[in-house]
C-alpha atoms as a PDB file:
ATOM      1  CA  MET A   1      94.756 112.129  93.027  1.00  0.00           C
ATOM      2  CA  TYR A   2      96.361 114.963  94.910  1.00  0.00           C
ATOM      3  CA  PHE A   3      97.462 116.191  98.315  1.00  0.00           C
ATOM      4  CA  ILE A   4      97.993 119.958  98.064  1.00  0.00           C
ATOM      5  CA  ASP A   5      99.807 122.216 100.522  1.00  0.00           C
ATOM      6  CA  VAL A   6      98.542 125.748 101.219  1.00  0.00           C
ATOM      7  CA  GLN A   7     101.161 128.256 102.376  1.00  0.00           C
ATOM      8  CA  GLY A   8     103.570 129.022  99.541  1.00  0.00           C
ATOM      9  CA  THR A   9     101.693 126.639  97.265  1.00  0.00           C
ATOM     10  CA  LEU A  10      98.135 127.978  97.007  1.00  0.00           C
ATOM     11  CA  ILE A  11      98.538 131.288  98.830  1.00  0.00           C
ATOM     12  CA  SER A  12     101.454 133.698  98.991  1.00  0.00           C
ATOM     13  CA  ASP A  13     103.679 133.869 102.052  1.00  0.00           C
ATOM     14  CA  SER A  14     103.841 137.652 101.719  1.00  0.00           C
ATOM     15  CA  ASP A  15     100.274 138.905 101.309  1.00  0.00           C
ATOM     16  CA  LYS A  16      98.254 135.654 101.605  1.00  0.00           C
ATOM     17  CA  SER A  17      96.712 136.168  98.154  1.00  0.00           C
ATOM     18  CA  PRO A  18      96.149 133.191  95.823  1.00  0.00           C
ATOM     19  CA  ILE A  19      99.285 132.241  93.898  1.00  0.00           C
ATOM     20  CA  ASN A  20      99.170 132.195  90.098  1.00  0.00           C
ATOM     21  CA  GLY A  21      96.969 129.296  88.966  1.00  0.00           C
ATOM     22  CA  ALA A  22      95.799 128.286  92.460  1.00  0.00           C
ATOM     23  CA  CYS A  23      92.092 129.071  92.081  1.00  0.00           C
ATOM     24  CA  GLU A  24      92.078 127.613  88.574  1.00  0.00           C
ATOM     25  CA  LEU A  25      93.707 124.401  89.804  1.00  0.00           C
ATOM     26  CA  ILE A  26      91.051 123.841  92.489  1.00  0.00           C
ATOM     27  CA  ASP A  27      88.260 124.685  90.022  1.00  0.00           C
ATOM     28  CA  THR A  28      89.665 122.165  87.523  1.00  0.00           C
ATOM     29  CA  LEU A  29      89.975 119.413  90.128  1.00  0.00           C
ATOM     30  CA  ASN A  30      86.371 120.053  91.142  1.00  0.00           C
ATOM     31  CA  SER A  31      84.992 120.132  87.591  1.00  0.00           C
ATOM     32  CA  LYS A  32      86.870 117.003  86.519  1.00  0.00           C
ATOM     33  CA  LEU A  33      85.969 115.175  89.751  1.00  0.00           C
ATOM     34  CA  ILE A  34      89.640 114.500  90.473  1.00  0.00           C
ATOM     35  CA  PRO A  35      90.067 113.455  94.133  1.00  0.00           C
ATOM     36  CA  TYR A  36      92.152 115.800  96.274  1.00  0.00           C
ATOM     37  CA  VAL A  37      92.743 116.861  99.869  1.00  0.00           C
ATOM     38  CA  ILE A  38      94.122 120.225 100.943  1.00  0.00           C
ATOM     39  CA  ILE A  39      96.732 119.479 103.615  1.00  0.00           C
ATOM     40  CA  THR A  40      98.096 122.374 105.648  1.00  0.00           C
ATOM     41  CA  ASN A  41     100.115 122.832 108.815  1.00  0.00           C
ATOM     42  CA  ASN A  42      97.928 125.756 109.894  1.00  0.00           C
ATOM     43  CA  THR A  43      98.242 126.196 113.665  1.00  0.00           C
ATOM     44  CA  LYS A  44      96.954 129.733 114.131  1.00  0.00           C
ATOM     45  CA  ILE A  45      93.268 129.629 113.224  1.00  0.00           C
ATOM     46  CA  LYS A  46      90.567 127.065 113.970  1.00  0.00           C
ATOM     47  CA  SER A  47      90.167 124.584 111.131  1.00  0.00           C
ATOM     48  CA  ASP A  48      86.716 125.711 110.008  1.00  0.00           C
ATOM     49  CA  GLU A  49      87.727 129.366 110.148  1.00  0.00           C
ATOM     50  CA  PHE A  50      90.896 128.838 108.112  1.00  0.00           C
ATOM     51  CA  LEU A  51      89.038 126.797 105.510  1.00  0.00           C
ATOM     52  CA  GLN A  52      86.485 129.598 105.169  1.00  0.00           C
ATOM     53  CA  THR A  53      89.320 132.120 104.822  1.00  0.00           C
ATOM     54  CA  LEU A  54      90.721 130.119 101.911  1.00  0.00           C
ATOM     55  CA  ARG A  55      87.298 129.916 100.282  1.00  0.00           C
ATOM     56  CA  ASP A  56      86.847 133.660 100.697  1.00  0.00           C
ATOM     57  CA  LYS A  57      90.053 134.110  98.699  1.00  0.00           C
ATOM     58  CA  GLY A  58      88.485 132.276  95.759  1.00  0.00           C
ATOM     59  CA  LEU A  59      89.785 128.767  96.483  1.00  0.00           C
ATOM     60  CA  ALA A  60      86.622 126.681  96.054  1.00  0.00           C
ATOM     61  CA  ILE A  61      87.720 123.818  98.288  1.00  0.00           C
ATOM     62  CA  LYS A  62      84.956 121.245  98.495  1.00  0.00           C
ATOM     63  CA  ASP A  63      83.606 119.786 101.738  1.00  0.00           C
ATOM     64  CA  GLY A  64      85.544 116.837 103.131  1.00  0.00           C
ATOM     65  CA  ALA A  65      88.774 117.830 101.370  1.00  0.00           C
ATOM     66  CA  TYR A  66      90.631 119.779 104.073  1.00  0.00           C
ATOM     67  CA  LEU A  67      92.972 118.657 106.863  1.00  0.00           C
ATOM     68  CA  ASP A  68      95.195 120.509 109.332  1.00  0.00           C
ATOM     69  CA  PRO A  69      96.842 119.540 112.662  1.00  0.00           C
ATOM     70  CA  PHE A  70      93.850 120.707 114.728  1.00  0.00           C
ATOM     71  CA  CYS A  71      91.707 118.134 112.881  1.00  0.00           C
ATOM     72  CA  VAL A  72      93.771 115.237 114.277  1.00  0.00           C
ATOM     73  CA  LEU A  73      95.237 116.655 117.501  1.00  0.00           C
ATOM     74  CA  ASN A  74      92.748 114.855 119.757  1.00  0.00           C
ATOM     75  CA  GLU A  75      94.103 111.524 118.516  1.00  0.00           C
ATOM     76  CA  ILE A  76      97.455 112.407 120.098  1.00  0.00           C
ATOM     77  CA  ILE A  77      96.438 114.405 123.173  1.00  0.00           C
ATOM     78  CA  SER A  78      92.999 115.398 124.457  1.00  0.00           C
ATOM     79  CA  PRO A  79      92.412 118.830 126.032  1.00  0.00           C
ATOM     80  CA  CYS A  80      94.439 119.145 129.243  1.00  0.00           C
ATOM     81  CA  ASN A  81      97.160 121.267 130.847  1.00  0.00           C
ATOM     82  CA  VAL A  82      99.965 121.794 128.339  1.00  0.00           C
ATOM     83  CA  ALA A  83     102.959 124.069 127.807  1.00  0.00           C
ATOM     84  CA  LEU A  84     102.248 125.999 124.616  1.00  0.00           C
ATOM     85  CA  PHE A  85     105.106 127.526 122.641  1.00  0.00           C
ATOM     86  CA  GLY A  86     104.276 129.467 119.485  1.00  0.00           C
ATOM     87  CA  ALA A  87     102.577 132.556 118.159  1.00  0.00           C
ATOM     88  CA  LYS A  88      99.924 134.300 120.258  1.00  0.00           C
ATOM     89  CA  GLU A  89      97.283 133.145 117.769  1.00  0.00           C
ATOM     90  CA  PHE A  90      98.305 129.517 118.328  1.00  0.00           C
ATOM     91  CA  VAL A  91      98.134 129.837 122.102  1.00  0.00           C
ATOM     92  CA  GLN A  92      94.728 131.530 121.917  1.00  0.00           C
ATOM     93  CA  THR A  93      93.295 128.963 119.501  1.00  0.00           C
ATOM     94  CA  MET A  94      94.531 126.083 121.655  1.00  0.00           C
ATOM     95  CA  GLN A  95      92.843 127.649 124.668  1.00  0.00           C
ATOM     96  CA  ASP A  96      89.667 128.210 122.655  1.00  0.00           C
ATOM     97  CA  ILE A  97      89.465 124.501 121.821  1.00  0.00           C
ATOM     98  CA  GLY A  98      89.924 123.438 125.429  1.00  0.00           C
ATOM     99  CA  TYR A  99      93.640 123.247 126.264  1.00  0.00           C
ATOM    100  CA  THR A 100      95.064 125.112 129.258  1.00  0.00           C
ATOM    101  CA  GLN A 101      98.419 126.905 129.270  1.00  0.00           C
ATOM    102  CA  ASP A 102     100.588 125.498 132.084  1.00  0.00           C
ATOM    103  CA  LEU A 103     104.322 126.193 132.052  1.00  0.00           C
ATOM    104  CA  LYS A 104     104.987 124.595 135.452  1.00  0.00           C
ATOM    105  CA  ASP A 105     103.405 121.148 135.471  1.00  0.00           C
ATOM    106  CA  PRO A 106     102.118 120.370 131.951  1.00  0.00           C
ATOM    107  CA  LYS A 107     101.118 116.991 130.565  1.00  0.00           C
ATOM    108  CA  ALA A 108     102.959 117.796 127.333  1.00  0.00           C
ATOM    109  CA  ILE A 109     104.945 120.455 125.494  1.00  0.00           C
ATOM    110  CA  LEU A 110     103.341 121.626 122.235  1.00  0.00           C
ATOM    111  CA  ILE A 111     105.485 123.594 119.785  1.00  0.00           C
ATOM    112  CA  ALA A 112     104.169 125.587 116.811  1.00  0.00           C
ATOM    113  CA  SER A 113     105.637 128.083 114.333  1.00  0.00           C
ATOM    114  CA  TRP A 114     106.800 131.471 115.603  1.00  0.00           C
ATOM    115  CA  ASP A 115     109.366 134.036 114.546  1.00  0.00           C
ATOM    116  CA  LYS A 116     109.785 135.422 118.082  1.00  0.00           C
ATOM    117  CA  PHE A 117     111.283 132.415 119.902  1.00  0.00           C
ATOM    118  CA  SER A 118     113.960 133.337 122.419  1.00  0.00           C
ATOM    119  CA  PHE A 119     116.693 131.257 124.020  1.00  0.00           C
ATOM    120  CA  ASP A 120     114.721 131.562 127.264  1.00  0.00           C
ATOM    121  CA  ASP A 121     111.865 129.757 125.517  1.00  0.00           C
ATOM    122  CA  PHE A 122     114.251 127.023 124.404  1.00  0.00           C
ATOM    123  CA  ALA A 123     115.710 126.803 127.904  1.00  0.00           C
ATOM    124  CA  LEU A 124     112.249 126.275 129.415  1.00  0.00           C
ATOM    125  CA  ILE A 125     111.412 123.626 126.812  1.00  0.00           C
ATOM    126  CA  ASN A 126     114.709 121.874 127.595  1.00  0.00           C
ATOM    127  CA  GLU A 127     114.028 121.959 131.332  1.00  0.00           C
ATOM    128  CA  LEU A 128     110.524 120.525 130.944  1.00  0.00           C
ATOM    129  CA  ALA A 129     111.744 117.851 128.524  1.00  0.00           C
ATOM    130  CA  LEU A 130     114.498 116.795 130.943  1.00  0.00           C
ATOM    131  CA  LYS A 131     111.789 116.310 133.587  1.00  0.00           C
ATOM    132  CA  GLY A 132     110.153 113.779 131.282  1.00  0.00           C
ATOM    133  CA  VAL A 133     107.389 115.947 129.819  1.00  0.00           C
ATOM    134  CA  LYS A 134     106.645 114.632 126.339  1.00  0.00           C
ATOM    135  CA  ILE A 135     107.316 116.867 123.353  1.00  0.00           C
ATOM    136  CA  ILE A 136     104.738 117.259 120.590  1.00  0.00           C
ATOM    137  CA  ALA A 137     105.587 119.212 117.456  1.00  0.00           C
ATOM    138  CA  MET A 138     102.435 120.543 115.831  1.00  0.00           C
ATOM    139  CA  HIS A 139     104.144 119.673 112.521  1.00  0.00           C
ATOM    140  CA  GLU A 140     107.663 119.276 111.122  1.00  0.00           C
ATOM    141  CA  THR A 141     107.966 122.191 108.714  1.00  0.00           C
ATOM    142  CA  SER A 142     111.635 122.731 107.918  1.00  0.00           C
ATOM    143  CA  ILE A 143     111.553 126.473 107.223  1.00  0.00           C
ATOM    144  CA  TYR A 144     109.073 129.114 108.369  1.00  0.00           C
ATOM    145  CA  LYS A 145     108.817 132.076 105.982  1.00  0.00           C
ATOM    146  CA  LYS A 146     107.502 135.422 107.152  1.00  0.00           C
ATOM    147  CA  ASN A 147     108.006 138.924 105.757  1.00  0.00           C
ATOM    148  CA  GLY A 148     110.541 137.590 103.304  1.00  0.00           C
ATOM    149  CA  ARG A 149     112.725 136.057 106.046  1.00  0.00           C
ATOM    150  CA  LEU A 150     113.393 132.336 106.565  1.00  0.00           C
ATOM    151  CA  TYR A 151     113.108 131.161 110.174  1.00  0.00           C
ATOM    152  CA  PRO A 152     113.711 127.637 111.539  1.00  0.00           C
ATOM    153  CA  GLY A 153     110.486 125.671 111.242  1.00  0.00           C
ATOM    154  CA  VAL A 154     108.890 123.561 113.954  1.00  0.00           C
ATOM    155  CA  GLY A 155     110.652 120.449 112.697  1.00  0.00           C
ATOM    156  CA  ALA A 156     114.034 122.160 112.994  1.00  0.00           C
ATOM    157  CA  ILE A 157     113.242 123.386 116.517  1.00  0.00           C
ATOM    158  CA  ALA A 158     111.909 120.017 117.691  1.00  0.00           C
ATOM    159  CA  ASN A 159     115.012 118.265 116.379  1.00  0.00           C
ATOM    160  CA  MET A 160     117.204 120.835 118.155  1.00  0.00           C
ATOM    161  CA  ILE A 161     115.413 120.166 121.448  1.00  0.00           C
ATOM    162  CA  SER A 162     115.688 116.420 120.877  1.00  0.00           C
ATOM    163  CA  TYR A 163     119.422 116.762 120.248  1.00  0.00           C
ATOM    164  CA  SER A 164     119.984 118.942 123.312  1.00  0.00           C
ATOM    165  CA  THR A 165     117.971 116.799 125.750  1.00  0.00           C
ATOM    166  CA  GLY A 166     118.005 113.315 124.247  1.00  0.00           C
ATOM    167  CA  ALA A 167     114.202 113.332 124.385  1.00  0.00           C
ATOM    168  CA  LYS A 168     112.233 112.080 121.406  1.00  0.00           C
ATOM    169  CA  PHE A 169     109.238 113.951 120.045  1.00  0.00           C
ATOM    170  CA  SER A 170     106.046 113.104 118.182  1.00  0.00           C
ATOM    171  CA  SER A 171     104.443 115.148 115.424  1.00  0.00           C
ATOM    172  CA  VAL A 172     100.830 116.016 114.637  1.00  0.00           C
ATOM    173  CA  GLY A 173     100.930 117.508 111.128  1.00  0.00           C
ATOM    174  CA  LYS A 174     102.997 116.950 107.998  1.00  0.00           C
ATOM    175  CA  PRO A 175     104.983 114.819 107.366  1.00  0.00           C
ATOM    176  CA  SER A 176     103.902 112.484 110.173  1.00  0.00           C
ATOM    177  CA  LEU A 177     102.524 109.116 109.156  1.00  0.00           C
ATOM    178  CA  GLY A 178      99.372 109.654 111.213  1.00  0.00           C
ATOM    179  CA  PHE A 179      98.605 112.898 109.404  1.00  0.00           C
ATOM    180  CA  TYR A 180      99.110 111.385 105.958  1.00  0.00           C
ATOM    181  CA  ILE A 181      96.956 108.386 106.915  1.00  0.00           C
ATOM    182  CA  ALA A 182      94.177 110.763 108.031  1.00  0.00           C
ATOM    183  CA  ALA A 183      94.472 112.594 104.700  1.00  0.00           C
ATOM    184  CA  LEU A 184      94.329 109.279 102.841  1.00  0.00           C
ATOM    185  CA  GLU A 185      91.133 108.382 104.685  1.00  0.00           C
ATOM    186  CA  LEU A 186      89.564 111.619 103.450  1.00  0.00           C
ATOM    187  CA  LEU A 187      90.707 110.775  99.935  1.00  0.00           C
ATOM    188  CA  LYS A 188      89.151 107.316 100.210  1.00  0.00           C
ATOM    189  CA  GLN A 189      85.775 108.996 100.721  1.00  0.00           C
ATOM    190  CA  GLN A 190      86.206 110.333  97.187  1.00  0.00           C
ATOM    191  CA  ASN A 191      87.746 107.144  95.750  1.00  0.00           C
ATOM    192  CA  ALA A 192      87.577 104.031  97.895  1.00  0.00           C
ATOM    193  CA  LYS A 193      90.535 102.485  96.067  1.00  0.00           C
ATOM    194  CA  ALA A 194      92.921 105.344  96.832  1.00  0.00           C
ATOM    195  CA  GLU A 195      96.400 104.354  97.993  1.00  0.00           C
ATOM    196  CA  PHE A 196      99.523 106.403  98.652  1.00  0.00           C
ATOM    197  CA  LYS A 197     101.061 105.238  95.374  1.00  0.00           C
ATOM    198  CA  ASP A 198      98.182 106.881  93.489  1.00  0.00           C
ATOM    199  CA  ILE A 199      98.807 110.318  95.032  1.00  0.00           C
ATOM    200  CA  THR A 200     100.881 113.272  93.893  1.00  0.00           C
ATOM    201  CA  ILE A 201     101.690 115.677  96.692  1.00  0.00           C
ATOM    202  CA  ILE A 202     102.286 119.322  95.755  1.00  0.00           C
ATOM    203  CA  SER A 203     104.199 121.546  98.174  1.00  0.00           C
ATOM    204  CA  ASP A 204     106.816 124.274  98.504  1.00  0.00           C
ATOM    205  CA  ASP A 205     108.514 122.422 101.397  1.00  0.00           C
ATOM    206  CA  ALA A 206     110.789 119.617 100.231  1.00  0.00           C
ATOM    207  CA  THR A 207     112.164 118.601 103.633  1.00  0.00           C
ATOM    208  CA  GLY A 208     109.031 119.159 105.693  1.00  0.00           C
ATOM    209  CA  ASP A 209     106.473 117.661 103.287  1.00  0.00           C
ATOM    210  CA  LEU A 210     107.830 115.897 100.236  1.00  0.00           C
ATOM    211  CA  TYR A 211     110.639 113.716 101.548  1.00  0.00           C
ATOM    212  CA  GLY A 212     108.370 111.973 104.053  1.00  0.00           C
ATOM    213  CA  ALA A 213     105.664 111.577 101.429  1.00  0.00           C
ATOM    214  CA  LYS A 214     108.149 109.965  99.043  1.00  0.00           C
ATOM    215  CA  GLU A 215     108.933 107.323 101.657  1.00  0.00           C
ATOM    216  CA  LEU A 216     105.235 106.380 101.474  1.00  0.00           C
ATOM    217  CA  ASN A 217     105.533 105.957  97.683  1.00  0.00           C
ATOM    218  CA  MET A 218     103.721 109.171  96.791  1.00  0.00           C
ATOM    219  CA  SER A 219     104.804 111.137  93.737  1.00  0.00           C
ATOM    220  CA  THR A 220     106.259 114.487  94.728  1.00  0.00           C
ATOM    221  CA  ALA A 221     105.979 117.889  93.062  1.00  0.00           C
ATOM    222  CA  LEU A 222     107.919 120.861  94.403  1.00  0.00           C
ATOM    223  CA  VAL A 223     106.721 124.380  93.586  1.00  0.00           C
ATOM    224  CA  LEU A 224     109.151 127.306  93.714  1.00  0.00           C
ATOM    225  CA  SER A 225     106.520 129.837  94.785  1.00  0.00           C
ATOM    226  CA  GLY A 226     107.213 129.727  98.516  1.00  0.00           C
ATOM    227  CA  LYS A 227     110.151 128.719 100.708  1.00  0.00           C
ATOM    228  CA  ILE A 228     112.445 127.649  97.872  1.00  0.00           C
ATOM    229  CA  ASP A 229     113.188 129.564  94.689  1.00  0.00           C
ATOM    230  CA  LYS A 230     115.348 128.802  91.658  1.00  0.00           C
ATOM    231  CA  SER A 231     118.443 130.166  93.372  1.00  0.00           C
ATOM    232  CA  SER A 232     118.198 127.863  96.398  1.00  0.00           C
ATOM    233  CA  THR A 233     117.703 124.362  95.014  1.00  0.00           C
ATOM    234  CA  ALA A 234     121.308 123.170  95.371  1.00  0.00           C
ATOM    235  CA  ASN A 235     120.721 121.165  98.561  1.00  0.00           C
ATOM    236  CA  LEU A 236     117.580 119.360  97.394  1.00  0.00           C
ATOM    237  CA  ASN A 237     117.515 115.574  97.429  1.00  0.00           C
ATOM    238  CA  ARG A 238     116.498 115.112  93.827  1.00  0.00           C
ATOM    239  CA  ASP A 239     115.937 111.380  94.345  1.00  0.00           C
ATOM    240  CA  LYS A 240     112.888 112.303  96.428  1.00  0.00           C
ATOM    241  CA  ILE A 241     111.464 114.985  94.121  1.00  0.00           C
ATOM    242  CA  ASP A 242     109.793 113.819  90.916  1.00  0.00           C
ATOM    243  CA  ASN A 243     108.946 117.211  89.413  1.00  0.00           C
ATOM    244  CA  ILE A 244     109.738 120.871  90.034  1.00  0.00           C
ATOM    245  CA  TYR A 245     107.412 123.655  88.858  1.00  0.00           C
ATOM    246  CA  ASP A 246     107.534 127.436  89.134  1.00  0.00           C
ATOM    247  CA  ASP A 247     104.038 127.382  90.639  1.00  0.00           C
ATOM    248  CA  VAL A 248     100.780 125.410  90.521  1.00  0.00           C
ATOM    249  CA  SER A 249      99.744 127.047  87.243  1.00  0.00           C
ATOM    250  CA  LYS A 250     101.983 124.525  85.493  1.00  0.00           C
ATOM    251  CA  ILE A 251     100.039 121.656  87.046  1.00  0.00           C
ATOM    252  CA  TRP A 252      96.720 123.306  86.162  1.00  0.00           C
ATOM    253  CA  GLU A 253      97.857 123.590  82.550  1.00  0.00           C
ATOM    254  CA  ILE A 254      98.609 119.865  82.485  1.00  0.00           C
ATOM    255  CA  LEU A 255      95.186 118.958  83.891  1.00  0.00           C
ATOM    256  CA  ARG A 256      92.906 121.311  81.983  1.00  0.00           C
END
């Protein structure tokens, strides 16, 4: 059984095209009736729209096998006034699903990926946090890759804010326990006996995805097709990574 990341694992960070072996892997899982859930920290496009985008690229993801932070956000905070920090697409999507941007008196601070954060943004987040406004990271990605550059991910930013203010934060997406439990529930619809120990998680993000999954007794597979390449593996915690592959084509070859 598999949990499979998207960005850098199934689709390229650069041009968003399917990575070598990605379409074949999904086709093989479908044909062999192997349970899987696509787990992504997408925070820019509505869940149904992003899933359709992936399908349009040739990734034949079956119904009931997709999860992103928007799918579980209501379990943490229902639509209300919030301070939204992230890309314009994130802010617009949050407003489209019922949340209201409020930078003066929000119920919560929500942080998503963005490569345009300024220190003024961080200052405002700090000021709101010090007033007691709760901090919610849309996920805890360690590194955000865009146009070949590596930016601090949401997890890195949330931990920075926590360090600077002393305020704790909660997380919606990977690698939060709630997100992985929601993904497991989807997997149980395919195999009622599914448990974390039965799952291999495939991702390009060791810190933001795999380490937390390993603590839940999942098997972990790192692919070097996204954030991390062969030249930047020195700082990996190898005790928490069971296998390393160039890309998902190696896993497809094992399964076919």
